[in-house]
Amino acid sequence: MLLYNVTYNIENDYHDEWLKWMKETHVPAVMASELPIGNRIFRLLTEIDNGGVTYSFQYFFADMEDYETYQDHHDPRIRAEVDRRYRNKYVVFRTLLEEV
């Protein structure tokens, strides 16, 4: 199993609206691809005050083929929508982890 982790830090002024949109629109769009087999959202509790709030959005994939299909056919469109709505209001980094 693979874990695609997307960590966002969103500015405080946009936090509430952003989180609602992420839960109601963004995550369902990712899951609608029918490639992730599950997802979780976590809020980072151990961070210094940097003017924002940090979240880990986790998507689980059965194998590399499903992950690569998601990346090739769905991720660019879904990623662009986050940027269109919240450009310059967040920072993000992505990691891919393999269960051992």
PDB file of N, CA and C in Angstrom:
ATOM      1  N   MET A   1       0.851  -1.176   0.000  1.00  0.00           N
ATOM      2  CA  MET A   1       0.000   0.000   0.000  1.00  0.00           C
ATOM      3  C   MET A   1       0.895   1.239   0.000  1.00  0.00           C
ATOM      4  N   LEU A   2       0.420   2.281  -0.672  1.00  0.00           N
ATOM      5  CA  LEU A   2       1.128   3.553  -0.741  1.00  0.00           C
ATOM      6  C   LEU A   2       0.307   4.636  -0.056  1.00  0.00           C
ATOM      7  N   LEU A   3       1.013   5.561   0.553  1.00  0.00           N
ATOM      8  CA  LEU A   3       0.378   6.727   1.166  1.00  0.00           C
ATOM      9  C   LEU A   3       0.885   7.972   0.456  1.00  0.00           C
ATOM     10  N   TYR A   4      -0.027   8.685  -0.171  1.00  0.00           N
ATOM     11  CA  TYR A   4       0.279   9.969  -0.800  1.00  0.00           C
ATOM     12  C   TYR A   4      -0.123  11.027   0.210  1.00  0.00           C
ATOM     13  N   ASN A   5       0.870  11.703   0.783  1.00  0.00           N
ATOM     14  CA  ASN A   5       0.638  12.694   1.823  1.00  0.00           C
ATOM     15  C   ASN A   5       0.808  14.091   1.239  1.00  0.00           C
ATOM     16  N   VAL A   6      -0.211  14.922   1.404  1.00  0.00           N
ATOM     17  CA  VAL A   6      -0.163  16.298   0.925  1.00  0.00           C
ATOM     18  C   VAL A   6      -0.310  17.194   2.153  1.00  0.00           C
ATOM     19  N   THR A   7       0.762  17.921   2.480  1.00  0.00           N
ATOM     20  CA  THR A   7       0.771  18.769   3.668  1.00  0.00           C
ATOM     21  C   THR A   7       0.611  20.216   3.242  1.00  0.00           C
ATOM     22  N   TYR A   8      -0.411  20.868   3.782  1.00  0.00           N
ATOM     23  CA  TYR A   8      -0.710  22.272   3.490  1.00  0.00           C
ATOM     24  C   TYR A   8      -0.545  23.102   4.744  1.00  0.00           C
ATOM     25  N   ASN A   9      -0.027  24.311   4.575  1.00  0.00           N
ATOM     26  CA  ASN A   9      -0.098  25.327   5.613  1.00  0.00           C
ATOM     27  C   ASN A   9      -0.899  26.475   5.008  1.00  0.00           C
ATOM     28  N   ILE A  10      -2.053  26.757   5.596  1.00  0.00           N
ATOM     29  CA  ILE A  10      -2.968  27.773   5.077  1.00  0.00           C
ATOM     30  C   ILE A  10      -2.969  28.979   6.021  1.00  0.00           C
ATOM     31  N   GLU A  11      -2.970  30.162   5.456  1.00  0.00           N
ATOM     32  CA  GLU A  11      -2.999  31.386   6.269  1.00  0.00           C
ATOM     33  C   GLU A  11      -4.227  31.398   7.168  1.00  0.00           C
ATOM     34  N   ASN A  12      -4.057  31.931   8.367  1.00  0.00           N
ATOM     35  CA  ASN A  12      -5.152  31.971   9.341  1.00  0.00           C
ATOM     36  C   ASN A  12      -6.409  32.640   8.796  1.00  0.00           C
ATOM     37  N   ASP A  13      -6.261  33.725   8.055  1.00  0.00           N
ATOM     38  CA  ASP A  13      -7.422  34.470   7.552  1.00  0.00           C
ATOM     39  C   ASP A  13      -8.279  33.659   6.594  1.00  0.00           C
ATOM     40  N   TYR A  14      -7.720  32.636   5.988  1.00  0.00           N
ATOM     41  CA  TYR A  14      -8.448  31.828   4.995  1.00  0.00           C
ATOM     42  C   TYR A  14      -8.780  30.433   5.515  1.00  0.00           C
ATOM     43  N   HIS A  15      -8.317  30.123   6.701  1.00  0.00           N
ATOM     44  CA  HIS A  15      -8.401  28.768   7.237  1.00  0.00           C
ATOM     45  C   HIS A  15      -9.801  28.173   7.199  1.00  0.00           C
ATOM     46  N   ASP A  16     -10.787  28.830   7.796  1.00  0.00           N
ATOM     47  CA  ASP A  16     -12.123  28.239   7.934  1.00  0.00           C
ATOM     48  C   ASP A  16     -12.753  27.955   6.573  1.00  0.00           C
ATOM     49  N   GLU A  17     -12.709  28.935   5.692  1.00  0.00           N
ATOM     50  CA  GLU A  17     -13.279  28.755   4.348  1.00  0.00           C
ATOM     51  C   GLU A  17     -12.556  27.642   3.596  1.00  0.00           C
ATOM     52  N   TRP A  18     -11.223  27.676   3.660  1.00  0.00           N
ATOM     53  CA  TRP A  18     -10.401  26.685   2.962  1.00  0.00           C
ATOM     54  C   TRP A  18     -10.699  25.272   3.450  1.00  0.00           C
ATOM     55  N   LEU A  19     -10.725  25.065   4.773  1.00  0.00           N
ATOM     56  CA  LEU A  19     -10.952  23.734   5.319  1.00  0.00           C
ATOM     57  C   LEU A  19     -12.326  23.205   4.914  1.00  0.00           C
ATOM     58  N   LYS A  20     -13.334  24.053   4.982  1.00  0.00           N
ATOM     59  CA  LYS A  20     -14.678  23.647   4.557  1.00  0.00           C
ATOM     60  C   LYS A  20     -14.653  23.234   3.085  1.00  0.00           C
ATOM     61  N   TRP A  21     -14.029  24.042   2.233  1.00  0.00           N
ATOM     62  CA  TRP A  21     -13.963  23.731   0.806  1.00  0.00           C
ATOM     63  C   TRP A  21     -13.173  22.444   0.566  1.00  0.00           C
ATOM     64  N   MET A  22     -12.082  22.272   1.268  1.00  0.00           N
ATOM     65  CA  MET A  22     -11.271  21.055   1.110  1.00  0.00           C
ATOM     66  C   MET A  22     -12.090  19.816   1.463  1.00  0.00           C
ATOM     67  N   LYS A  23     -12.822  19.869   2.577  1.00  0.00           N
ATOM     68  CA  LYS A  23     -13.599  18.709   3.010  1.00  0.00           C
ATOM     69  C   LYS A  23     -14.799  18.442   2.096  1.00  0.00           C
ATOM     70  N   GLU A  24     -15.458  19.497   1.641  1.00  0.00           N
ATOM     71  CA  GLU A  24     -16.698  19.331   0.881  1.00  0.00           C
ATOM     72  C   GLU A  24     -16.486  19.202  -0.625  1.00  0.00           C
ATOM     73  N   THR A  25     -15.369  19.722  -1.146  1.00  0.00           N
ATOM     74  CA  THR A  25     -15.169  19.744  -2.590  1.00  0.00           C
ATOM     75  C   THR A  25     -13.886  19.035  -3.018  1.00  0.00           C
ATOM     76  N   HIS A  26     -12.770  19.432  -2.435  1.00  0.00           N
ATOM     77  CA  HIS A  26     -11.478  18.904  -2.879  1.00  0.00           C
ATOM     78  C   HIS A  26     -11.334  17.401  -2.619  1.00  0.00           C
ATOM     79  N   VAL A  27     -11.487  16.983  -1.380  1.00  0.00           N
ATOM     80  CA  VAL A  27     -11.333  15.564  -1.058  1.00  0.00           C
ATOM     81  C   VAL A  27     -12.340  14.714  -1.842  1.00  0.00           C
ATOM     82  N   PRO A  28     -13.612  15.094  -1.926  1.00  0.00           N
ATOM     83  CA  PRO A  28     -14.516  14.301  -2.758  1.00  0.00           C
ATOM     84  C   PRO A  28     -14.082  14.221  -4.227  1.00  0.00           C
ATOM     85  N   ALA A  29     -13.463  15.278  -4.754  1.00  0.00           N
ATOM     86  CA  ALA A  29     -12.972  15.233  -6.138  1.00  0.00           C
ATOM     87  C   ALA A  29     -11.845  14.213  -6.282  1.00  0.00           C
ATOM     88  N   VAL A  30     -10.942  14.177  -5.315  1.00  0.00           N
ATOM     89  CA  VAL A  30      -9.862  13.184  -5.345  1.00  0.00           C
ATOM     90  C   VAL A  30     -10.456  11.777  -5.274  1.00  0.00           C
ATOM     91  N   MET A  31     -11.361  11.567  -4.345  1.00  0.00           N
ATOM     92  CA  MET A  31     -11.933  10.240  -4.157  1.00  0.00           C
ATOM     93  C   MET A  31     -12.805   9.814  -5.343  1.00  0.00           C
ATOM     94  N   ALA A  32     -13.378  10.780  -6.053  1.00  0.00           N
ATOM     95  CA  ALA A  32     -14.224  10.466  -7.216  1.00  0.00           C
ATOM     96  C   ALA A  32     -13.428   9.833  -8.347  1.00  0.00           C
ATOM     97  N   SER A  33     -12.115   9.983  -8.315  1.00  0.00           N
ATOM     98  CA  SER A  33     -11.290   9.327  -9.332  1.00  0.00           C
ATOM     99  C   SER A  33     -11.346   7.809  -9.188  1.00  0.00           C
ATOM    100  N   GLU A  34     -11.815   7.342  -8.040  1.00  0.00           N
ATOM    101  CA  GLU A  34     -11.937   5.921  -7.713  1.00  0.00           C
ATOM    102  C   GLU A  34     -10.596   5.199  -7.688  1.00  0.00           C
ATOM    103  N   LEU A  35      -9.513   5.959  -7.523  1.00  0.00           N
ATOM    104  CA  LEU A  35      -8.178   5.357  -7.436  1.00  0.00           C
ATOM    105  C   LEU A  35      -7.672   5.243  -6.001  1.00  0.00           C
ATOM    106  N   PRO A  36      -7.853   6.258  -5.149  1.00  0.00           N
ATOM    107  CA  PRO A  36      -7.485   6.057  -3.745  1.00  0.00           C
ATOM    108  C   PRO A  36      -8.471   5.076  -3.104  1.00  0.00           C
ATOM    109  N   ILE A  37      -7.947   4.285  -2.175  1.00  0.00           N
ATOM    110  CA  ILE A  37      -8.817   3.324  -1.485  1.00  0.00           C
ATOM    111  C   ILE A  37      -9.231   3.840  -0.108  1.00  0.00           C
ATOM    112  N   GLY A  38      -8.764   5.029   0.230  1.00  0.00           N
ATOM    113  CA  GLY A  38      -9.144   5.640   1.495  1.00  0.00           C
ATOM    114  C   GLY A  38      -8.442   6.964   1.667  1.00  0.00           C
ATOM    115  N   ASN A  39      -8.877   7.710   2.653  1.00  0.00           N
ATOM    116  CA  ASN A  39      -8.244   8.999   2.937  1.00  0.00           C
ATOM    117  C   ASN A  39      -8.444   9.378   4.396  1.00  0.00           C
ATOM    118  N   ARG A  40      -7.579  10.261   4.870  1.00  0.00           N
ATOM    119  CA  ARG A  40      -7.664  10.798   6.223  1.00  0.00           C
ATOM    120  C   ARG A  40      -7.178  12.239   6.183  1.00  0.00           C
ATOM    121  N   ILE A  41      -7.624  13.028   7.152  1.00  0.00           N
ATOM    122  CA  ILE A  41      -7.161  14.405   7.308  1.00  0.00           C
ATOM    123  C   ILE A  41      -6.703  14.568   8.755  1.00  0.00           C
ATOM    124  N   PHE A  42      -5.505  15.122   8.919  1.00  0.00           N
ATOM    125  CA  PHE A  42      -4.969  15.380  10.245  1.00  0.00           C
ATOM    126  C   PHE A  42      -4.509  16.822  10.341  1.00  0.00           C
ATOM    127  N   ARG A  43      -4.712  17.408  11.510  1.00  0.00           N
ATOM    128  CA  ARG A  43      -4.197  18.756  11.793  1.00  0.00           C
ATOM    129  C   ARG A  43      -2.921  18.608  12.608  1.00  0.00           C
ATOM    130  N   LEU A  44      -1.895  19.329  12.218  1.00  0.00           N
ATOM    131  CA  LEU A  44      -0.620  19.296  12.923  1.00  0.00           C
ATOM    132  C   LEU A  44      -0.755  20.068  14.233  1.00  0.00           C
ATOM    133  N   LEU A  45      -0.403  19.416  15.335  1.00  0.00           N
ATOM    134  CA  LEU A  45      -0.535  20.032  16.655  1.00  0.00           C
ATOM    135  C   LEU A  45       0.779  20.582  17.182  1.00  0.00           C
ATOM    136  N   THR A  46       1.895  20.116  16.665  1.00  0.00           N
ATOM    137  CA  THR A  46       3.203  20.515  17.187  1.00  0.00           C
ATOM    138  C   THR A  46       3.922  21.412  16.188  1.00  0.00           C
ATOM    139  N   GLU A  47       3.459  22.634  16.071  1.00  0.00           N
ATOM    140  CA  GLU A  47       4.109  23.578  15.167  1.00  0.00           C
ATOM    141  C   GLU A  47       4.252  24.924  15.865  1.00  0.00           C
ATOM    142  N   ILE A  48       5.214  25.691  15.404  1.00  0.00           N
ATOM    143  CA  ILE A  48       5.388  27.035  15.929  1.00  0.00           C
ATOM    144  C   ILE A  48       4.381  27.951  15.245  1.00  0.00           C
ATOM    145  N   ASP A  49       4.085  29.069  15.873  1.00  0.00           N
ATOM    146  CA  ASP A  49       3.148  30.019  15.285  1.00  0.00           C
ATOM    147  C   ASP A  49       3.791  30.681  14.075  1.00  0.00           C
ATOM    148  N   ASN A  50       3.290  30.348  12.908  1.00  0.00           N
ATOM    149  CA  ASN A  50       3.839  30.897  11.672  1.00  0.00           C
ATOM    150  C   ASN A  50       2.780  31.637  10.864  1.00  0.00           C
ATOM    151  N   GLY A  51       1.680  31.971  11.525  1.00  0.00           N
ATOM    152  CA  GLY A  51       0.628  32.704  10.836  1.00  0.00           C
ATOM    153  C   GLY A  51      -0.294  31.827  10.025  1.00  0.00           C
ATOM    154  N   GLY A  52      -0.211  30.515  10.244  1.00  0.00           N
ATOM    155  CA  GLY A  52      -1.056  29.597   9.501  1.00  0.00           C
ATOM    156  C   GLY A  52      -1.328  28.335  10.294  1.00  0.00           C
ATOM    157  N   VAL A  53      -2.124  27.471   9.675  1.00  0.00           N
ATOM    158  CA  VAL A  53      -2.492  26.195  10.263  1.00  0.00           C
ATOM    159  C   VAL A  53      -2.060  25.111   9.279  1.00  0.00           C
ATOM    160  N   THR A  54      -1.504  24.008   9.798  1.00  0.00           N
ATOM    161  CA  THR A  54      -0.975  22.956   8.938  1.00  0.00           C
ATOM    162  C   THR A  54      -1.817  21.693   9.042  1.00  0.00           C
ATOM    163  N   TYR A  55      -2.096  21.112   7.869  1.00  0.00           N
ATOM    164  CA  TYR A  55      -2.876  19.881   7.760  1.00  0.00           C
ATOM    165  C   TYR A  55      -2.157  18.877   6.889  1.00  0.00           C
ATOM    166  N   SER A  56      -2.363  17.622   7.204  1.00  0.00           N
ATOM    167  CA  SER A  56      -1.894  16.514   6.381  1.00  0.00           C
ATOM    168  C   SER A  56      -3.115  15.834   5.780  1.00  0.00           C
ATOM    169  N   PHE A  57      -3.208  15.864   4.461  1.00  0.00           N
ATOM    170  CA  PHE A  57      -4.262  15.154   3.736  1.00  0.00           C
ATOM    171  C   PHE A  57      -3.631  13.877   3.206  1.00  0.00           C
ATOM    172  N   GLN A  58      -4.158  12.747   3.630  1.00  0.00           N
ATOM    173  CA  GLN A  58      -3.558  11.463   3.299  1.00  0.00           C
ATOM    174  C   GLN A  58      -4.501  10.649   2.427  1.00  0.00           C
ATOM    175  N   TYR A  59      -3.938  10.153   1.331  1.00  0.00           N
ATOM    176  CA  TYR A  59      -4.695   9.333   0.386  1.00  0.00           C
ATOM    177  C   TYR A  59      -3.966   8.009   0.229  1.00  0.00           C
ATOM    178  N   PHE A  60      -4.687   6.919   0.357  1.00  0.00           N
ATOM    179  CA  PHE A  60      -4.101   5.587   0.292  1.00  0.00           C
ATOM    180  C   PHE A  60      -4.374   4.967  -1.072  1.00  0.00           C
ATOM    181  N   PHE A  61      -3.332   4.377  -1.659  1.00  0.00           N
ATOM    182  CA  PHE A  61      -3.430   3.722  -2.960  1.00  0.00           C
ATOM    183  C   PHE A  61      -2.988   2.274  -2.810  1.00  0.00           C
ATOM    184  N   ALA A  62      -3.652   1.385  -3.515  1.00  0.00           N
ATOM    185  CA  ALA A  62      -3.332  -0.040  -3.428  1.00  0.00           C
ATOM    186  C   ALA A  62      -1.955  -0.338  -3.989  1.00  0.00           C
ATOM    187  N   ASP A  63      -1.584   0.374  -5.065  1.00  0.00           N
ATOM    188  CA  ASP A  63      -0.300   0.079  -5.710  1.00  0.00           C
ATOM    189  C   ASP A  63       0.175   1.282  -6.516  1.00  0.00           C
ATOM    190  N   MET A  64       1.391   1.184  -7.034  1.00  0.00           N
ATOM    191  CA  MET A  64       2.006   2.274  -7.782  1.00  0.00           C
ATOM    192  C   MET A  64       1.234   2.586  -9.059  1.00  0.00           C
ATOM    193  N   GLU A  65       0.681   1.573  -9.688  1.00  0.00           N
ATOM    194  CA  GLU A  65      -0.079   1.791 -10.923  1.00  0.00           C
ATOM    195  C   GLU A  65      -1.272   2.716 -10.681  1.00  0.00           C
ATOM    196  N   ASP A  66      -2.005   2.493  -9.620  1.00  0.00           N
ATOM    197  CA  ASP A  66      -3.149   3.357  -9.306  1.00  0.00           C
ATOM    198  C   ASP A  66      -2.686   4.778  -8.986  1.00  0.00           C
ATOM    199  N   TYR A  67      -1.605   4.884  -8.216  1.00  0.00           N
ATOM    200  CA  TYR A  67      -1.072   6.206  -7.886  1.00  0.00           C
ATOM    201  C   TYR A  67      -0.642   6.949  -9.150  1.00  0.00           C
ATOM    202  N   GLU A  68       0.089   6.289 -10.023  1.00  0.00           N
ATOM    203  CA  GLU A  68       0.555   6.932 -11.256  1.00  0.00           C
ATOM    204  C   GLU A  68      -0.606   7.310 -12.176  1.00  0.00           C
ATOM    205  N   THR A  69      -1.620   6.485 -12.231  1.00  0.00           N
ATOM    206  CA  THR A  69      -2.811   6.827 -13.015  1.00  0.00           C
ATOM    207  C   THR A  69      -3.467   8.075 -12.454  1.00  0.00           C
ATOM    208  N   TYR A  70      -3.575   8.142 -11.128  1.00  0.00           N
ATOM    209  CA  TYR A  70      -4.129   9.338 -10.494  1.00  0.00           C
ATOM    210  C   TYR A  70      -3.287  10.564 -10.845  1.00  0.00           C
ATOM    211  N   GLN A  71      -1.973  10.458 -10.705  1.00  0.00           N
ATOM    212  CA  GLN A  71      -1.077  11.575 -10.998  1.00  0.00           C
ATOM    213  C   GLN A  71      -1.185  12.025 -12.452  1.00  0.00           C
ATOM    214  N   ASP A  72      -1.273  11.096 -13.361  1.00  0.00           N
ATOM    215  CA  ASP A  72      -1.303  11.417 -14.794  1.00  0.00           C
ATOM    216  C   ASP A  72      -2.643  11.989 -15.264  1.00  0.00           C
ATOM    217  N   HIS A  73      -3.740  11.494 -14.690  1.00  0.00           N
ATOM    218  CA  HIS A  73      -5.056  11.820 -15.251  1.00  0.00           C
ATOM    219  C   HIS A  73      -5.947  12.699 -14.378  1.00  0.00           C
ATOM    220  N   HIS A  74      -5.632  12.860 -13.112  1.00  0.00           N
ATOM    221  CA  HIS A  74      -6.534  13.593 -12.217  1.00  0.00           C
ATOM    222  C   HIS A  74      -5.848  14.707 -11.436  1.00  0.00           C
ATOM    223  N   ASP A  75      -4.649  14.445 -10.939  1.00  0.00           N
ATOM    224  CA  ASP A  75      -3.988  15.380 -10.038  1.00  0.00           C
ATOM    225  C   ASP A  75      -3.777  16.780 -10.624  1.00  0.00           C
ATOM    226  N   PRO A  76      -3.339  16.919 -11.868  1.00  0.00           N
ATOM    227  CA  PRO A  76      -3.105  18.283 -12.375  1.00  0.00           C
ATOM    228  C   PRO A  76      -4.358  19.167 -12.317  1.00  0.00           C
ATOM    229  N   ARG A  77      -5.502  18.632 -12.679  1.00  0.00           N
ATOM    230  CA  ARG A  77      -6.757  19.395 -12.660  1.00  0.00           C
ATOM    231  C   ARG A  77      -7.168  19.739 -11.230  1.00  0.00           C
ATOM    232  N   ILE A  78      -7.089  18.766 -10.339  1.00  0.00           N
ATOM    233  CA  ILE A  78      -7.504  18.970  -8.952  1.00  0.00           C
ATOM    234  C   ILE A  78      -6.564  19.945  -8.253  1.00  0.00           C
ATOM    235  N   ARG A  79      -5.275  19.817  -8.501  1.00  0.00           N
ATOM    236  CA  ARG A  79      -4.272  20.717  -7.924  1.00  0.00           C
ATOM    237  C   ARG A  79      -4.482  22.143  -8.413  1.00  0.00           C
ATOM    238  N   ALA A  80      -4.786  22.295  -9.682  1.00  0.00           N
ATOM    239  CA  ALA A  80      -4.990  23.625 -10.265  1.00  0.00           C
ATOM    240  C   ALA A  80      -6.167  24.349  -9.620  1.00  0.00           C
ATOM    241  N   GLU A  81      -7.185  23.616  -9.240  1.00  0.00           N
ATOM    242  CA  GLU A  81      -8.353  24.246  -8.617  1.00  0.00           C
ATOM    243  C   GLU A  81      -8.013  24.803  -7.240  1.00  0.00           C
ATOM    244  N   VAL A  82      -7.200  24.092  -6.469  1.00  0.00           N
ATOM    245  CA  VAL A  82      -6.757  24.624  -5.171  1.00  0.00           C
ATOM    246  C   VAL A  82      -5.987  25.919  -5.399  1.00  0.00           C
ATOM    247  N   ASP A  83      -5.092  25.893  -6.368  1.00  0.00           N
ATOM    248  CA  ASP A  83      -4.279  27.078  -6.638  1.00  0.00           C
ATOM    249  C   ASP A  83      -5.132  28.238  -7.158  1.00  0.00           C
ATOM    250  N   ARG A  84      -6.104  27.940  -7.971  1.00  0.00           N
ATOM    251  CA  ARG A  84      -6.984  28.998  -8.493  1.00  0.00           C
ATOM    252  C   ARG A  84      -7.717  29.697  -7.347  1.00  0.00           C
ATOM    253  N   ARG A  85      -8.196  28.935  -6.396  1.00  0.00           N
ATOM    254  CA  ARG A  85      -8.978  29.506  -5.290  1.00  0.00           C
ATOM    255  C   ARG A  85      -8.111  30.165  -4.214  1.00  0.00           C
ATOM    256  N   TYR A  86      -6.919  29.604  -3.953  1.00  0.00           N
ATOM    257  CA  TYR A  86      -6.150  30.035  -2.786  1.00  0.00           C
ATOM    258  C   TYR A  86      -4.708  30.401  -3.110  1.00  0.00           C
ATOM    259  N   ARG A  87      -4.436  30.796  -4.309  1.00  0.00           N
ATOM    260  CA  ARG A  87      -3.069  31.163  -4.720  1.00  0.00           C
ATOM    261  C   ARG A  87      -2.453  32.159  -3.742  1.00  0.00           C
ATOM    262  N   ASN A  88      -1.220  31.909  -3.371  1.00  0.00           N
ATOM    263  CA  ASN A  88      -0.439  32.755  -2.461  1.00  0.00           C
ATOM    264  C   ASN A  88      -0.996  32.807  -1.036  1.00  0.00           C
ATOM    265  N   LYS A  89      -1.907  31.912  -0.703  1.00  0.00           N
ATOM    266  CA  LYS A  89      -2.477  31.857   0.651  1.00  0.00           C
ATOM    267  C   LYS A  89      -2.051  30.594   1.378  1.00  0.00           C
ATOM    268  N   TYR A  90      -1.302  29.724   0.703  1.00  0.00           N
ATOM    269  CA  TYR A  90      -0.891  28.466   1.298  1.00  0.00           C
ATOM    270  C   TYR A  90       0.468  28.055   0.753  1.00  0.00           C
ATOM    271  N   VAL A  91       1.090  27.145   1.475  1.00  0.00           N
ATOM    272  CA  VAL A  91       2.261  26.434   0.969  1.00  0.00           C
ATOM    273  C   VAL A  91       1.938  24.949   1.088  1.00  0.00           C
ATOM    274  N   VAL A  92       2.554  24.158   0.222  1.00  0.00           N
ATOM    275  CA  VAL A  92       2.243  22.736   0.190  1.00  0.00           C
ATOM    276  C   VAL A  92       3.503  21.949  -0.129  1.00  0.00           C
ATOM    277  N   PHE A  93       3.585  20.761   0.425  1.00  0.00           N
ATOM    278  CA  PHE A  93       4.590  19.811  -0.036  1.00  0.00           C
ATOM    279  C   PHE A  93       3.963  18.421  -0.026  1.00  0.00           C
ATOM    280  N   ARG A  94       4.443  17.613  -0.938  1.00  0.00           N
ATOM    281  CA  ARG A  94       3.875  16.290  -1.156  1.00  0.00           C
ATOM    282  C   ARG A  94       4.934  15.224  -0.953  1.00  0.00           C
ATOM    283  N   THR A  95       4.524  14.095  -0.356  1.00  0.00           N
ATOM    284  CA  THR A  95       5.407  12.957  -0.182  1.00  0.00           C
ATOM    285  C   THR A  95       4.658  11.686  -0.518  1.00  0.00           C
ATOM    286  N   LEU A  96       5.394  10.712  -0.974  1.00  0.00           N
ATOM    287  CA  LEU A  96       4.840   9.392  -1.269  1.00  0.00           C
ATOM    288  C   LEU A  96       5.563   8.398  -0.374  1.00  0.00           C
ATOM    289  N   LEU A  97       4.802   7.628   0.389  1.00  0.00           N
ATOM    290  CA  LEU A  97       5.365   6.663   1.324  1.00  0.00           C
ATOM    291  C   LEU A  97       4.863   5.272   0.982  1.00  0.00           C
ATOM    292  N   GLU A  98       5.707   4.288   1.227  1.00  0.00           N
ATOM    293  CA  GLU A  98       5.349   2.891   0.985  1.00  0.00           C
ATOM    294  C   GLU A  98       5.265   2.159   2.322  1.00  0.00           C
ATOM    295  N   GLU A  99       4.187   1.412   2.493  1.00  0.00           N
ATOM    296  CA  GLU A  99       4.051   0.606   3.701  1.00  0.00           C
ATOM    297  C   GLU A  99       5.048  -0.541   3.656  1.00  0.00           C
ATOM    298  N   VAL A 100       5.709  -0.783   4.771  1.00  0.00           N
ATOM    299  CA  VAL A 100       6.695  -1.877   4.838  1.00  0.00           C
ATOM    300  C   VAL A 100       6.327  -2.873   5.928  1.00  0.00           C
TER     301      VAL A 100
END
